[in-house]
Amino acid sequence: GSTHQVPIEIGSSQGKTLAIRWLLGASRKRTGQNMTFKLSFKLVDVTKGSGDAIRKKKKTHRMAKANRAFAHFH
């Protein structure tokens, strides 16, 4: 069978942790000079609503919406 991830609401501190983790991960993948420049360019991308971190957030929200039928298993 397949594994279904049950969507549950997370707290604000855990949400901030995930956002920071996604930003740092996307910044590390970016080619460039040093981490300061990479992170600053990623933050600019986020304010524009584009980039890997925003794409990851949207993907996670789509997955949670698709698995909403399994929320009663929690």
PDB file of N, CA and C in Angstrom:
ATOM      1  N   GLY A   1       0.813  -1.178   0.000  1.00  0.00           N
ATOM      2  CA  GLY A   1       0.000   0.000   0.000  1.00  0.00           C
ATOM      3  C   GLY A   1       0.859   1.246   0.000  1.00  0.00           C
ATOM      4  N   SER A   2       0.197   2.345  -0.103  1.00  0.00           N
ATOM      5  CA  SER A   2       0.915   3.625  -0.103  1.00  0.00           C
ATOM      6  C   SER A   2       0.865   4.255   1.275  1.00  0.00           C
ATOM      7  N   THR A   3       1.828   5.103   1.537  1.00  0.00           N
ATOM      8  CA  THR A   3       1.894   5.815   2.801  1.00  0.00           C
ATOM      9  C   THR A   3       1.243   7.174   2.622  1.00  0.00           C
ATOM     10  N   HIS A   4       0.333   7.517   3.525  1.00  0.00           N
ATOM     11  CA  HIS A   4      -0.325   8.817   3.468  1.00  0.00           C
ATOM     12  C   HIS A   4       0.137   9.652   4.644  1.00  0.00           C
ATOM     13  N   GLN A   5       0.515  10.871   4.369  1.00  0.00           N
ATOM     14  CA  GLN A   5       0.888  11.774   5.440  1.00  0.00           C
ATOM     15  C   GLN A   5      -0.363  12.511   5.888  1.00  0.00           C
ATOM     16  N   VAL A   6      -0.655  12.435   7.166  1.00  0.00           N
ATOM     17  CA  VAL A   6      -1.849  13.064   7.698  1.00  0.00           C
ATOM     18  C   VAL A   6      -1.531  14.523   8.002  1.00  0.00           C
ATOM     19  N   PRO A   7      -2.272  15.466   7.377  1.00  0.00           N
ATOM     20  CA  PRO A   7      -1.990  16.883   7.630  1.00  0.00           C
ATOM     21  C   PRO A   7      -2.494  17.304   9.003  1.00  0.00           C
ATOM     22  N   ILE A   8      -1.611  17.926   9.770  1.00  0.00           N
ATOM     23  CA  ILE A   8      -1.994  18.477  11.059  1.00  0.00           C
ATOM     24  C   ILE A   8      -1.501  19.915  11.120  1.00  0.00           C
ATOM     25  N   GLU A   9      -2.199  20.725  11.878  1.00  0.00           N
ATOM     26  CA  GLU A   9      -1.783  22.118  11.998  1.00  0.00           C
ATOM     27  C   GLU A   9      -0.584  22.206  12.935  1.00  0.00           C
ATOM     28  N   ILE A  10       0.381  23.019  12.550  1.00  0.00           N
ATOM     29  CA  ILE A  10       1.573  23.180  13.376  1.00  0.00           C
ATOM     30  C   ILE A  10       1.530  24.530  14.071  1.00  0.00           C
ATOM     31  N   GLY A  11       2.263  24.654  15.147  1.00  0.00           N
ATOM     32  CA  GLY A  11       2.313  25.909  15.895  1.00  0.00           C
ATOM     33  C   GLY A  11       3.130  26.965  15.181  1.00  0.00           C
ATOM     34  N   SER A  12       3.055  28.173  15.683  1.00  0.00           N
ATOM     35  CA  SER A  12       3.744  29.266  15.007  1.00  0.00           C
ATOM     36  C   SER A  12       5.262  29.135  15.120  1.00  0.00           C
ATOM     37  N   SER A  13       5.751  28.644  16.263  1.00  0.00           N
ATOM     38  CA  SER A  13       7.206  28.513  16.395  1.00  0.00           C
ATOM     39  C   SER A  13       7.741  27.425  15.476  1.00  0.00           C
ATOM     40  N   GLN A  14       6.996  26.334  15.333  1.00  0.00           N
ATOM     41  CA  GLN A  14       7.428  25.273  14.421  1.00  0.00           C
ATOM     42  C   GLN A  14       7.327  25.745  12.969  1.00  0.00           C
ATOM     43  N   GLY A  15       6.341  26.566  12.674  1.00  0.00           N
ATOM     44  CA  GLY A  15       6.209  27.128  11.324  1.00  0.00           C
ATOM     45  C   GLY A  15       7.372  28.029  10.975  1.00  0.00           C
ATOM     46  N   LYS A  16       7.783  28.837  11.944  1.00  0.00           N
ATOM     47  CA  LYS A  16       8.939  29.715  11.714  1.00  0.00           C
ATOM     48  C   LYS A  16      10.205  28.896  11.528  1.00  0.00           C
ATOM     49  N   THR A  17      10.321  27.816  12.300  1.00  0.00           N
ATOM     50  CA  THR A  17      11.486  26.940  12.162  1.00  0.00           C
ATOM     51  C   THR A  17      11.541  26.322  10.774  1.00  0.00           C
ATOM     52  N   LEU A  18      10.393  25.851  10.288  1.00  0.00           N
ATOM     53  CA  LEU A  18      10.349  25.278   8.932  1.00  0.00           C
ATOM     54  C   LEU A  18      10.704  26.323   7.885  1.00  0.00           C
ATOM     55  N   ALA A  19      10.190  27.533   8.035  1.00  0.00           N
ATOM     56  CA  ALA A  19      10.482  28.587   7.059  1.00  0.00           C
ATOM     57  C   ALA A  19      11.968  28.908   7.024  1.00  0.00           C
ATOM     58  N   ILE A  20      12.579  28.994   8.195  1.00  0.00           N
ATOM     59  CA  ILE A  20      14.015  29.278   8.248  1.00  0.00           C
ATOM     60  C   ILE A  20      14.802  28.126   7.643  1.00  0.00           C
ATOM     61  N   ARG A  21      14.398  26.895   7.942  1.00  0.00           N
ATOM     62  CA  ARG A  21      15.071  25.716   7.389  1.00  0.00           C
ATOM     63  C   ARG A  21      14.982  25.699   5.869  1.00  0.00           C
ATOM     64  N   TRP A  22      13.796  26.037   5.316  1.00  0.00           N
ATOM     65  CA  TRP A  22      13.634  26.063   3.865  1.00  0.00           C
ATOM     66  C   TRP A  22      14.463  27.184   3.242  1.00  0.00           C
ATOM     67  N   LEU A  23      14.517  28.336   3.898  1.00  0.00           N
ATOM     68  CA  LEU A  23      15.332  29.442   3.380  1.00  0.00           C
ATOM     69  C   LEU A  23      16.810  29.087   3.359  1.00  0.00           C
ATOM     70  N   LEU A  24      17.302  28.513   4.450  1.00  0.00           N
ATOM     71  CA  LEU A  24      18.717  28.146   4.498  1.00  0.00           C
ATOM     72  C   LEU A  24      19.049  27.052   3.489  1.00  0.00           C
ATOM     73  N   GLY A  25      18.163  26.079   3.353  1.00  0.00           N
ATOM     74  CA  GLY A  25      18.393  25.011   2.376  1.00  0.00           C
ATOM     75  C   GLY A  25      18.444  25.533   0.951  1.00  0.00           C
ATOM     76  N   ALA A  26      17.516  26.439   0.625  1.00  0.00           N
ATOM     77  CA  ALA A  26      17.500  27.027  -0.712  1.00  0.00           C
ATOM     78  C   ALA A  26      18.728  27.909  -0.930  1.00  0.00           C
ATOM     79  N   SER A  27      19.163  28.592   0.123  1.00  0.00           N
ATOM     80  CA  SER A  27      20.348  29.447  -0.002  1.00  0.00           C
ATOM     81  C   SER A  27      21.603  28.619  -0.217  1.00  0.00           C
ATOM     82  N   ARG A  28      21.700  27.499   0.463  1.00  0.00           N
ATOM     83  CA  ARG A  28      22.887  26.642   0.307  1.00  0.00           C
ATOM     84  C   ARG A  28      22.996  26.069  -1.100  1.00  0.00           C
ATOM     85  N   LYS A  29      21.850  25.803  -1.738  1.00  0.00           N
ATOM     86  CA  LYS A  29      21.865  25.252  -3.102  1.00  0.00           C
ATOM     87  C   LYS A  29      22.289  26.289  -4.131  1.00  0.00           C
ATOM     88  N   ARG A  30      22.068  27.540  -3.821  1.00  0.00           N
ATOM     89  CA  ARG A  30      22.355  28.618  -4.777  1.00  0.00           C
ATOM     90  C   ARG A  30      23.861  28.757  -5.001  1.00  0.00           C
ATOM     91  N   THR A  31      24.230  28.931  -6.249  1.00  0.00           N
ATOM     92  CA  THR A  31      25.642  29.171  -6.549  1.00  0.00           C
ATOM     93  C   THR A  31      25.934  30.649  -6.325  1.00  0.00           C
ATOM     94  N   GLY A  32      27.114  30.937  -5.890  1.00  0.00           N
ATOM     95  CA  GLY A  32      27.442  32.328  -5.647  1.00  0.00           C
ATOM     96  C   GLY A  32      28.665  32.457  -4.783  1.00  0.00           C
ATOM     97  N   GLN A  33      28.826  33.629  -4.206  1.00  0.00           N
ATOM     98  CA  GLN A  33      30.036  33.931  -3.464  1.00  0.00           C
ATOM     99  C   GLN A  33      30.015  33.333  -2.063  1.00  0.00           C
ATOM    100  N   ASN A  34      29.410  34.008  -1.141  1.00  0.00           N
ATOM    101  CA  ASN A  34      29.393  33.481   0.217  1.00  0.00           C
ATOM    102  C   ASN A  34      27.951  33.413   0.718  1.00  0.00           C
ATOM    103  N   MET A  35      27.774  32.853   1.892  1.00  0.00           N
ATOM    104  CA  MET A  35      26.436  32.612   2.412  1.00  0.00           C
ATOM    105  C   MET A  35      25.662  33.911   2.650  1.00  0.00           C
ATOM    106  N   THR A  36      26.347  34.970   2.970  1.00  0.00           N
ATOM    107  CA  THR A  36      25.671  36.248   3.194  1.00  0.00           C
ATOM    108  C   THR A  36      24.961  36.719   1.930  1.00  0.00           C
ATOM    109  N   PHE A  37      25.655  36.665   0.804  1.00  0.00           N
ATOM    110  CA  PHE A  37      25.054  37.075  -0.458  1.00  0.00           C
ATOM    111  C   PHE A  37      23.952  36.116  -0.879  1.00  0.00           C
ATOM    112  N   LYS A  38      24.196  34.824  -0.718  1.00  0.00           N
ATOM    113  CA  LYS A  38      23.187  33.839  -1.101  1.00  0.00           C
ATOM    114  C   LYS A  38      21.899  34.040  -0.324  1.00  0.00           C
ATOM    115  N   LEU A  39      22.025  34.224   0.991  1.00  0.00           N
ATOM    116  CA  LEU A  39      20.844  34.400   1.826  1.00  0.00           C
ATOM    117  C   LEU A  39      20.141  35.710   1.519  1.00  0.00           C
ATOM    118  N   SER A  40      20.895  36.758   1.283  1.00  0.00           N
ATOM    119  CA  SER A  40      20.256  38.043   0.975  1.00  0.00           C
ATOM    120  C   SER A  40      19.501  37.969  -0.356  1.00  0.00           C
ATOM    121  N   PHE A  41      20.056  37.294  -1.356  1.00  0.00           N
ATOM    122  CA  PHE A  41      19.349  37.151  -2.627  1.00  0.00           C
ATOM    123  C   PHE A  41      18.111  36.283  -2.467  1.00  0.00           C
ATOM    124  N   LYS A  42      18.183  35.263  -1.611  1.00  0.00           N
ATOM    125  CA  LYS A  42      17.013  34.418  -1.361  1.00  0.00           C
ATOM    126  C   LYS A  42      15.918  35.203  -0.663  1.00  0.00           C
ATOM    127  N   LEU A  43      16.298  36.071   0.273  1.00  0.00           N
ATOM    128  CA  LEU A  43      15.299  36.885   0.960  1.00  0.00           C
ATOM    129  C   LEU A  43      14.616  37.851  -0.011  1.00  0.00           C
ATOM    130  N   VAL A  44      15.365  38.365  -0.951  1.00  0.00           N
ATOM    131  CA  VAL A  44      14.778  39.225  -1.983  1.00  0.00           C
ATOM    132  C   VAL A  44      13.803  38.411  -2.835  1.00  0.00           C
ATOM    133  N   ASP A  45      14.195  37.185  -3.191  1.00  0.00           N
ATOM    134  CA  ASP A  45      13.301  36.316  -3.965  1.00  0.00           C
ATOM    135  C   ASP A  45      12.002  36.041  -3.203  1.00  0.00           C
ATOM    136  N   VAL A  46      12.120  35.807  -1.901  1.00  0.00           N
ATOM    137  CA  VAL A  46      10.938  35.517  -1.091  1.00  0.00           C
ATOM    138  C   VAL A  46      10.003  36.718  -1.039  1.00  0.00           C
ATOM    139  N   THR A  47      10.554  37.917  -0.924  1.00  0.00           N
ATOM    140  CA  THR A  47       9.695  39.099  -0.892  1.00  0.00           C
ATOM    141  C   THR A  47       8.976  39.294  -2.221  1.00  0.00           C
ATOM    142  N   LYS A  48       9.582  38.816  -3.305  1.00  0.00           N
ATOM    143  CA  LYS A  48       8.929  38.876  -4.622  1.00  0.00           C
ATOM    144  C   LYS A  48       7.935  37.737  -4.812  1.00  0.00           C
ATOM    145  N   GLY A  49       7.979  36.732  -3.935  1.00  0.00           N
ATOM    146  CA  GLY A  49       7.056  35.598  -4.047  1.00  0.00           C
ATOM    147  C   GLY A  49       7.551  34.515  -4.972  1.00  0.00           C
ATOM    148  N   SER A  50       8.850  34.430  -5.173  1.00  0.00           N
ATOM    149  CA  SER A  50       9.406  33.400  -6.047  1.00  0.00           C
ATOM    150  C   SER A  50      10.562  32.718  -5.329  1.00  0.00           C
ATOM    151  N   GLY A  51      11.126  31.723  -5.959  1.00  0.00           N
ATOM    152  CA  GLY A  51      12.281  31.048  -5.387  1.00  0.00           C
ATOM    153  C   GLY A  51      11.948  29.672  -4.842  1.00  0.00           C
ATOM    154  N   ASP A  52      12.992  28.956  -4.456  1.00  0.00           N
ATOM    155  CA  ASP A  52      12.851  27.580  -3.996  1.00  0.00           C
ATOM    156  C   ASP A  52      12.092  27.467  -2.683  1.00  0.00           C
ATOM    157  N   ALA A  53      12.288  28.397  -1.777  1.00  0.00           N
ATOM    158  CA  ALA A  53      11.622  28.322  -0.473  1.00  0.00           C
ATOM    159  C   ALA A  53      10.108  28.490  -0.633  1.00  0.00           C
ATOM    160  N   ILE A  54       9.687  29.394  -1.488  1.00  0.00           N
ATOM    161  CA  ILE A  54       8.256  29.598  -1.731  1.00  0.00           C
ATOM    162  C   ILE A  54       7.677  28.397  -2.454  1.00  0.00           C
ATOM    163  N   ARG A  55       8.438  27.845  -3.394  1.00  0.00           N
ATOM    164  CA  ARG A  55       7.990  26.659  -4.112  1.00  0.00           C
ATOM    165  C   ARG A  55       7.787  25.489  -3.149  1.00  0.00           C
ATOM    166  N   LYS A  56       8.703  25.339  -2.188  1.00  0.00           N
ATOM    167  CA  LYS A  56       8.602  24.278  -1.181  1.00  0.00           C
ATOM    168  C   LYS A  56       7.355  24.478  -0.310  1.00  0.00           C
ATOM    169  N   LYS A  57       7.091  25.722   0.074  1.00  0.00           N
ATOM    170  CA  LYS A  57       5.916  26.030   0.889  1.00  0.00           C
ATOM    171  C   LYS A  57       4.635  25.678   0.136  1.00  0.00           C
ATOM    172  N   LYS A  58       4.556  26.080  -1.133  1.00  0.00           N
ATOM    173  CA  LYS A  58       3.361  25.797  -1.927  1.00  0.00           C
ATOM    174  C   LYS A  58       3.178  24.296  -2.132  1.00  0.00           C
ATOM    175  N   LYS A  59       4.279  23.584  -2.335  1.00  0.00           N
ATOM    176  CA  LYS A  59       4.212  22.130  -2.505  1.00  0.00           C
ATOM    177  C   LYS A  59       3.682  21.469  -1.240  1.00  0.00           C
ATOM    178  N   THR A  60       4.136  21.930  -0.086  1.00  0.00           N
ATOM    179  CA  THR A  60       3.689  21.380   1.191  1.00  0.00           C
ATOM    180  C   THR A  60       2.205  21.656   1.402  1.00  0.00           C
ATOM    181  N   HIS A  61       1.750  22.850   1.058  1.00  0.00           N
ATOM    182  CA  HIS A  61       0.340  23.183   1.203  1.00  0.00           C
ATOM    183  C   HIS A  61      -0.529  22.355   0.261  1.00  0.00           C
ATOM    184  N   ARG A  62      -0.048  22.125  -0.976  1.00  0.00           N
ATOM    185  CA  ARG A  62      -0.791  21.276  -1.914  1.00  0.00           C
ATOM    186  C   ARG A  62      -0.912  19.852  -1.388  1.00  0.00           C
ATOM    187  N   MET A  63       0.186  19.328  -0.819  1.00  0.00           N
ATOM    188  CA  MET A  63       0.182  17.980  -0.268  1.00  0.00           C
ATOM    189  C   MET A  63      -0.809  17.888   0.894  1.00  0.00           C
ATOM    190  N   ALA A  64      -0.821  18.888   1.753  1.00  0.00           N
ATOM    191  CA  ALA A  64      -1.740  18.872   2.896  1.00  0.00           C
ATOM    192  C   ALA A  64      -3.189  18.952   2.423  1.00  0.00           C
ATOM    193  N   LYS A  65      -3.439  19.746   1.405  1.00  0.00           N
ATOM    194  CA  LYS A  65      -4.799  19.859   0.875  1.00  0.00           C
ATOM    195  C   LYS A  65      -5.245  18.542   0.241  1.00  0.00           C
ATOM    196  N   ALA A  66      -4.337  17.882  -0.459  1.00  0.00           N
ATOM    197  CA  ALA A  66      -4.669  16.612  -1.095  1.00  0.00           C
ATOM    198  C   ALA A  66      -4.928  15.516  -0.061  1.00  0.00           C
ATOM    199  N   ASN A  67      -4.230  15.561   1.065  1.00  0.00           N
ATOM    200  CA  ASN A  67      -4.370  14.535   2.096  1.00  0.00           C
ATOM    201  C   ASN A  67      -5.354  14.929   3.190  1.00  0.00           C
ATOM    202  N   ARG A  68      -6.144  15.947   2.944  1.00  0.00           N
ATOM    203  CA  ARG A  68      -7.102  16.401   3.954  1.00  0.00           C
ATOM    204  C   ARG A  68      -8.127  15.326   4.300  1.00  0.00           C
ATOM    205  N   ALA A  69      -8.402  14.417   3.379  1.00  0.00           N
ATOM    206  CA  ALA A  69      -9.371  13.352   3.637  1.00  0.00           C
ATOM    207  C   ALA A  69      -8.902  12.432   4.748  1.00  0.00           C
ATOM    208  N   PHE A  70      -7.599  12.401   5.029  1.00  0.00           N
ATOM    209  CA  PHE A  70      -7.060  11.514   6.044  1.00  0.00           C
ATOM    210  C   PHE A  70      -6.882  12.214   7.387  1.00  0.00           C
ATOM    211  N   ALA A  71      -7.354  13.449   7.522  1.00  0.00           N
ATOM    212  CA  ALA A  71      -7.143  14.216   8.747  1.00  0.00           C
ATOM    213  C   ALA A  71      -7.835  13.598   9.953  1.00  0.00           C
ATOM    214  N   HIS A  72      -8.910  12.817   9.729  1.00  0.00           N
ATOM    215  CA  HIS A  72      -9.612  12.228  10.864  1.00  0.00           C
ATOM    216  C   HIS A  72      -8.823  11.087  11.514  1.00  0.00           C
ATOM    217  N   PHE A  73      -7.752  10.619  10.871  1.00  0.00           N
ATOM    218  CA  PHE A  73      -6.928   9.543  11.454  1.00  0.00           C
ATOM    219  C   PHE A  73      -6.024  10.047  12.573  1.00  0.00           C
ATOM    220  N   HIS A  74      -5.831  11.341  12.657  1.00  0.00           N
ATOM    221  CA  HIS A  74      -4.915  11.886  13.664  1.00  0.00           C
ATOM    222  C   HIS A  74      -5.475  11.705  15.014  1.00  0.00           C
TER     223      HIS A  74
END
